[in-house]
C-alpha atoms as a PDB file:
ATOM      1  CA  UNK A   1       0.066 -15.056  -8.734  1.00  0.00           C
ATOM      2  CA  UNK A   2       2.324 -16.957 -11.120  1.00  0.00           C
ATOM      3  CA  UNK A   3       0.955 -18.578 -14.281  1.00  0.00           C
ATOM      4  CA  UNK A   4       2.726 -21.534 -15.838  1.00  0.00           C
ATOM      5  CA  UNK A   5       4.062 -22.423 -12.402  1.00  0.00           C
ATOM      6  CA  UNK A   6       4.136 -26.215 -12.355  1.00  0.00           C
ATOM      7  CA  UNK A   7       7.788 -26.270 -13.434  1.00  0.00           C
ATOM      8  CA  UNK A   8      10.711 -24.212 -14.695  1.00  0.00           C
ATOM      9  CA  UNK A   9      10.850 -20.443 -14.346  1.00  0.00           C
ATOM     10  CA  UNK A  10       7.277 -20.161 -13.030  1.00  0.00           C
ATOM     11  CA  UNK A  11       7.902 -22.709 -10.276  1.00  0.00           C
ATOM     12  CA  UNK A  12      11.158 -21.014  -9.267  1.00  0.00           C
ATOM     13  CA  UNK A  13       9.453 -17.608  -9.078  1.00  0.00           C
ATOM     14  CA  UNK A  14       6.554 -18.995  -7.020  1.00  0.00           C
ATOM     15  CA  UNK A  15       8.926 -20.690  -4.567  1.00  0.00           C
ATOM     16  CA  UNK A  16      10.924 -17.466  -4.222  1.00  0.00           C
ATOM     17  CA  UNK A  17       7.711 -15.608  -3.337  1.00  0.00           C
ATOM     18  CA  UNK A  18       6.887 -18.300  -0.766  1.00  0.00           C
ATOM     19  CA  UNK A  19      10.321 -17.945   0.821  1.00  0.00           C
ATOM     20  CA  UNK A  20       9.721 -14.172   1.025  1.00  0.00           C
ATOM     21  CA  UNK A  21       6.444 -14.720   2.902  1.00  0.00           C
ATOM     22  CA  UNK A  22       3.913 -14.011   0.155  1.00  0.00           C
ATOM     23  CA  UNK A  23       0.589 -15.777  -0.202  1.00  0.00           C
ATOM     24  CA  UNK A  24       1.096 -17.624  -3.475  1.00  0.00           C
ATOM     25  CA  UNK A  25      -1.250 -18.517  -6.318  1.00  0.00           C
ATOM     26  CA  UNK A  26       0.002 -20.894  -8.997  1.00  0.00           C
ATOM     27  CA  UNK A  27      -1.641 -22.100 -12.172  1.00  0.00           C
ATOM     28  CA  UNK A  28      -1.076 -24.342 -15.139  1.00  0.00           C
ATOM     29  CA  UNK A  29      -3.289 -26.034 -17.698  1.00  0.00           C
ATOM     30  CA  UNK A  30      -2.223 -29.695 -17.931  1.00  0.00           C
ATOM     31  CA  UNK A  31       0.270 -30.813 -15.314  1.00  0.00           C
ATOM     32  CA  UNK A  32      -1.969 -31.476 -12.308  1.00  0.00           C
ATOM     33  CA  UNK A  33       0.550 -33.695 -10.493  1.00  0.00           C
ATOM     34  CA  UNK A  34       3.416 -31.226 -10.961  1.00  0.00           C
ATOM     35  CA  UNK A  35       1.178 -28.353  -9.906  1.00  0.00           C
ATOM     36  CA  UNK A  36       0.210 -30.213  -6.742  1.00  0.00           C
ATOM     37  CA  UNK A  37       3.864 -31.012  -6.007  1.00  0.00           C
ATOM     38  CA  UNK A  38       4.720 -27.324  -6.430  1.00  0.00           C
ATOM     39  CA  UNK A  39       1.859 -26.377  -4.087  1.00  0.00           C
ATOM     40  CA  UNK A  40       3.189 -28.734  -1.408  1.00  0.00           C
ATOM     41  CA  UNK A  41       6.699 -27.355  -1.831  1.00  0.00           C
ATOM     42  CA  UNK A  42       5.414 -23.785  -1.459  1.00  0.00           C
ATOM     43  CA  UNK A  43       3.417 -24.693   1.637  1.00  0.00           C
ATOM     44  CA  UNK A  44       6.545 -26.282   3.157  1.00  0.00           C
ATOM     45  CA  UNK A  45       7.749 -22.679   3.587  1.00  0.00           C
ATOM     46  CA  UNK A  46       4.594 -21.928   5.600  1.00  0.00           C
ATOM     47  CA  UNK A  47       3.201 -19.888   2.720  1.00  0.00           C
ATOM     48  CA  UNK A  48      -0.511 -20.254   1.937  1.00  0.00           C
ATOM     49  CA  UNK A  49      -0.949 -21.441  -1.641  1.00  0.00           C
ATOM     50  CA  UNK A  50      -3.866 -21.678  -4.049  1.00  0.00           C
ATOM     51  CA  UNK A  51      -3.198 -24.041  -6.972  1.00  0.00           C
ATOM     52  CA  UNK A  52      -5.444 -23.654 -10.006  1.00  0.00           C
ATOM     53  CA  UNK A  53      -5.621 -26.012 -12.963  1.00  0.00           C
ATOM     54  CA  UNK A  54      -7.026 -23.979 -15.846  1.00  0.00           C
ATOM     55  CA  UNK A  55      -6.378 -22.492 -19.270  1.00  0.00           C
ATOM     56  CA  UNK A  56      -5.157 -18.893 -19.064  1.00  0.00           C
ATOM     57  CA  UNK A  57      -6.024 -18.541 -22.761  1.00  0.00           C
ATOM     58  CA  UNK A  58      -9.701 -18.855 -21.828  1.00  0.00           C
ATOM     59  CA  UNK A  59     -11.209 -15.652 -20.404  1.00  0.00           C
ATOM     60  CA  UNK A  60     -13.783 -17.491 -18.264  1.00  0.00           C
ATOM     61  CA  UNK A  61     -10.993 -19.556 -16.715  1.00  0.00           C
ATOM     62  CA  UNK A  62      -9.044 -16.362 -15.929  1.00  0.00           C
ATOM     63  CA  UNK A  63     -12.115 -14.784 -14.342  1.00  0.00           C
ATOM     64  CA  UNK A  64     -12.741 -17.912 -12.261  1.00  0.00           C
ATOM     65  CA  UNK A  65      -9.167 -17.886 -10.994  1.00  0.00           C
ATOM     66  CA  UNK A  66      -9.283 -14.208 -10.047  1.00  0.00           C
ATOM     67  CA  UNK A  67     -12.588 -14.783  -8.216  1.00  0.00           C
ATOM     68  CA  UNK A  68     -11.003 -17.613  -6.232  1.00  0.00           C
ATOM     69  CA  UNK A  69      -8.036 -15.369  -5.419  1.00  0.00           C
ATOM     70  CA  UNK A  70     -10.342 -12.590  -4.233  1.00  0.00           C
ATOM     71  CA  UNK A  71     -12.242 -15.028  -2.000  1.00  0.00           C
ATOM     72  CA  UNK A  72      -9.135 -16.597  -0.496  1.00  0.00           C
ATOM     73  CA  UNK A  73      -6.595 -13.752  -0.338  1.00  0.00           C
ATOM     74  CA  UNK A  74      -8.504 -10.543  -1.079  1.00  0.00           C
ATOM     75  CA  UNK A  75      -6.669  -9.875  -4.333  1.00  0.00           C
ATOM     76  CA  UNK A  76      -3.429  -9.943  -6.273  1.00  0.00           C
ATOM     77  CA  UNK A  77      -0.489  -7.668  -5.449  1.00  0.00           C
ATOM     78  CA  UNK A  78       1.910  -9.228  -7.954  1.00  0.00           C
ATOM     79  CA  UNK A  79       1.030 -10.986 -11.218  1.00  0.00           C
ATOM     80  CA  UNK A  80       3.698 -12.936 -13.082  1.00  0.00           C
ATOM     81  CA  UNK A  81       2.461 -13.945 -16.542  1.00  0.00           C
ATOM     82  CA  UNK A  82       4.698 -16.895 -17.294  1.00  0.00           C
ATOM     83  CA  UNK A  83       2.357 -19.354 -19.044  1.00  0.00           C
ATOM     84  CA  UNK A  84       3.279 -19.921 -22.645  1.00  0.00           C
ATOM     85  CA  UNK A  85       3.393 -22.506 -25.370  1.00  0.00           C
ATOM     86  CA  UNK A  86       5.690 -23.137 -28.299  1.00  0.00           C
ATOM     87  CA  UNK A  87       6.164 -25.878 -30.833  1.00  0.00           C
ATOM     88  CA  UNK A  88       8.183 -28.478 -32.545  1.00  0.00           C
ATOM     89  CA  UNK A  89       5.964 -28.147 -35.621  1.00  0.00           C
ATOM     90  CA  UNK A  90       7.561 -26.868 -38.800  1.00  0.00           C
ATOM     91  CA  UNK A  91       6.283 -23.477 -39.900  1.00  0.00           C
ATOM     92  CA  UNK A  92       4.900 -24.840 -43.178  1.00  0.00           C
ATOM     93  CA  UNK A  93       2.963 -27.537 -41.287  1.00  0.00           C
ATOM     94  CA  UNK A  94       1.348 -25.273 -38.684  1.00  0.00           C
ATOM     95  CA  UNK A  95      -2.446 -25.102 -38.747  1.00  0.00           C
ATOM     96  CA  UNK A  96      -4.832 -22.284 -37.969  1.00  0.00           C
ATOM     97  CA  UNK A  97      -6.001 -24.189 -34.862  1.00  0.00           C
ATOM     98  CA  UNK A  98      -2.411 -24.394 -33.584  1.00  0.00           C
ATOM     99  CA  UNK A  99      -1.898 -20.695 -34.192  1.00  0.00           C
ATOM    100  CA  UNK A 100      -5.199 -19.795 -32.489  1.00  0.00           C
ATOM    101  CA  UNK A 101      -4.305 -21.875 -29.430  1.00  0.00           C
ATOM    102  CA  UNK A 102      -0.838 -20.327 -29.181  1.00  0.00           C
ATOM    103  CA  UNK A 103      -2.141 -16.770 -29.471  1.00  0.00           C
ATOM    104  CA  UNK A 104      -4.885 -17.474 -26.926  1.00  0.00           C
ATOM    105  CA  UNK A 105      -2.362 -18.547 -24.290  1.00  0.00           C
ATOM    106  CA  UNK A 106       0.615 -16.359 -25.174  1.00  0.00           C
ATOM    107  CA  UNK A 107      -1.212 -13.122 -25.982  1.00  0.00           C
ATOM    108  CA  UNK A 108      -4.872 -13.194 -24.974  1.00  0.00           C
ATOM    109  CA  UNK A 109      -4.159 -14.837 -21.615  1.00  0.00           C
ATOM    110  CA  UNK A 110      -1.453 -12.312 -20.744  1.00  0.00           C
ATOM    111  CA  UNK A 111      -3.575  -9.385 -21.918  1.00  0.00           C
ATOM    112  CA  UNK A 112      -6.720 -10.248 -20.002  1.00  0.00           C
ATOM    113  CA  UNK A 113      -4.971 -11.563 -16.889  1.00  0.00           C
ATOM    114  CA  UNK A 114      -3.117  -8.263 -16.737  1.00  0.00           C
ATOM    115  CA  UNK A 115      -6.328  -6.326 -17.315  1.00  0.00           C
ATOM    116  CA  UNK A 116      -8.218  -8.167 -14.569  1.00  0.00           C
ATOM    117  CA  UNK A 117      -5.302  -7.826 -12.138  1.00  0.00           C
ATOM    118  CA  UNK A 118      -4.878  -4.106 -12.898  1.00  0.00           C
ATOM    119  CA  UNK A 119      -8.582  -3.371 -12.438  1.00  0.00           C
ATOM    120  CA  UNK A 120      -8.601  -5.131  -9.085  1.00  0.00           C
ATOM    121  CA  UNK A 121      -5.399  -3.409  -7.967  1.00  0.00           C
ATOM    122  CA  UNK A 122      -6.994  -0.063  -8.802  1.00  0.00           C
ATOM    123  CA  UNK A 123     -10.188  -1.025  -6.920  1.00  0.00           C
ATOM    124  CA  UNK A 124      -8.091  -1.916  -3.866  1.00  0.00           C
ATOM    125  CA  UNK A 125      -5.999   1.249  -4.295  1.00  0.00           C
ATOM    126  CA  UNK A 126      -2.698  -0.634  -4.234  1.00  0.00           C
ATOM    127  CA  UNK A 127       0.409  -0.169  -6.327  1.00  0.00           C
ATOM    128  CA  UNK A 128       0.738  -3.673  -7.648  1.00  0.00           C
ATOM    129  CA  UNK A 129       3.218  -5.166 -10.052  1.00  0.00           C
ATOM    130  CA  UNK A 130       2.620  -7.040 -13.319  1.00  0.00           C
ATOM    131  CA  UNK A 131       5.548  -8.939 -14.829  1.00  0.00           C
ATOM    132  CA  UNK A 132       5.384 -10.582 -18.260  1.00  0.00           C
ATOM    133  CA  UNK A 133       7.909 -13.317 -19.001  1.00  0.00           C
ATOM    134  CA  UNK A 134       8.525 -14.472 -22.563  1.00  0.00           C
ATOM    135  CA  UNK A 135      11.289 -17.039 -22.494  1.00  0.00           C
ATOM    136  CA  UNK A 136      10.360 -19.781 -24.910  1.00  0.00           C
ATOM    137  CA  UNK A 137      11.309 -17.958 -28.097  1.00  0.00           C
ATOM    138  CA  UNK A 138      14.440 -16.183 -26.939  1.00  0.00           C
ATOM    139  CA  UNK A 139      16.473 -17.655 -29.802  1.00  0.00           C
ATOM    140  CA  UNK A 140      13.666 -17.495 -32.338  1.00  0.00           C
ATOM    141  CA  UNK A 141      11.417 -20.279 -33.552  1.00  0.00           C
ATOM    142  CA  UNK A 142      12.176 -20.606 -37.253  1.00  0.00           C
ATOM    143  CA  UNK A 143      11.742 -22.908 -39.064  1.00  0.00           C
ATOM    144  CA  UNK A 144       9.431 -24.197 -36.346  1.00  0.00           C
ATOM    145  CA  UNK A 145       6.264 -22.526 -35.117  1.00  0.00           C
ATOM    146  CA  UNK A 146       3.267 -22.647 -32.834  1.00  0.00           C
ATOM    147  CA  UNK A 147       2.115 -25.447 -30.551  1.00  0.00           C
ATOM    148  CA  UNK A 148       3.107 -27.596 -27.517  1.00  0.00           C
ATOM    149  CA  UNK A 149       3.422 -26.873 -23.896  1.00  0.00           C
ATOM    150  CA  UNK A 150       6.620 -25.175 -22.806  1.00  0.00           C
ATOM    151  CA  UNK A 151       5.600 -23.496 -19.563  1.00  0.00           C
ATOM    152  CA  UNK A 152       3.655 -25.442 -16.959  1.00  0.00           C
END
């Protein structure tokens, strides 16, 4: 499973898994057309793919996705938390709503996706892998802060 997989790093990781023969699950929150294009590209490698359009910062959305994964593939062996948002808003102009949205996706989504995946890996008695990618602030964000989509 790769979050934020409609483009960029997430898409590249998902395609690499497809080429290696994995069943692939991809998700993003807004880019339905890009997500669908990525799904088709993954399936061109004869890899089954579940594409999910949903907000990883929303716990119910995460739970829905993991239920769909369980139904279709039995579970997750590898979780790549790649979804993230950043901003072109100046720090002094950032609002509480922007900050709450950013922390929901960047922190809460990663935390609870990892928790759900880990619990299900333990239930299935597998040694799974959870990878967290944080690329959008590698050079820092000052004087800008918080909001806009950076990972699909």
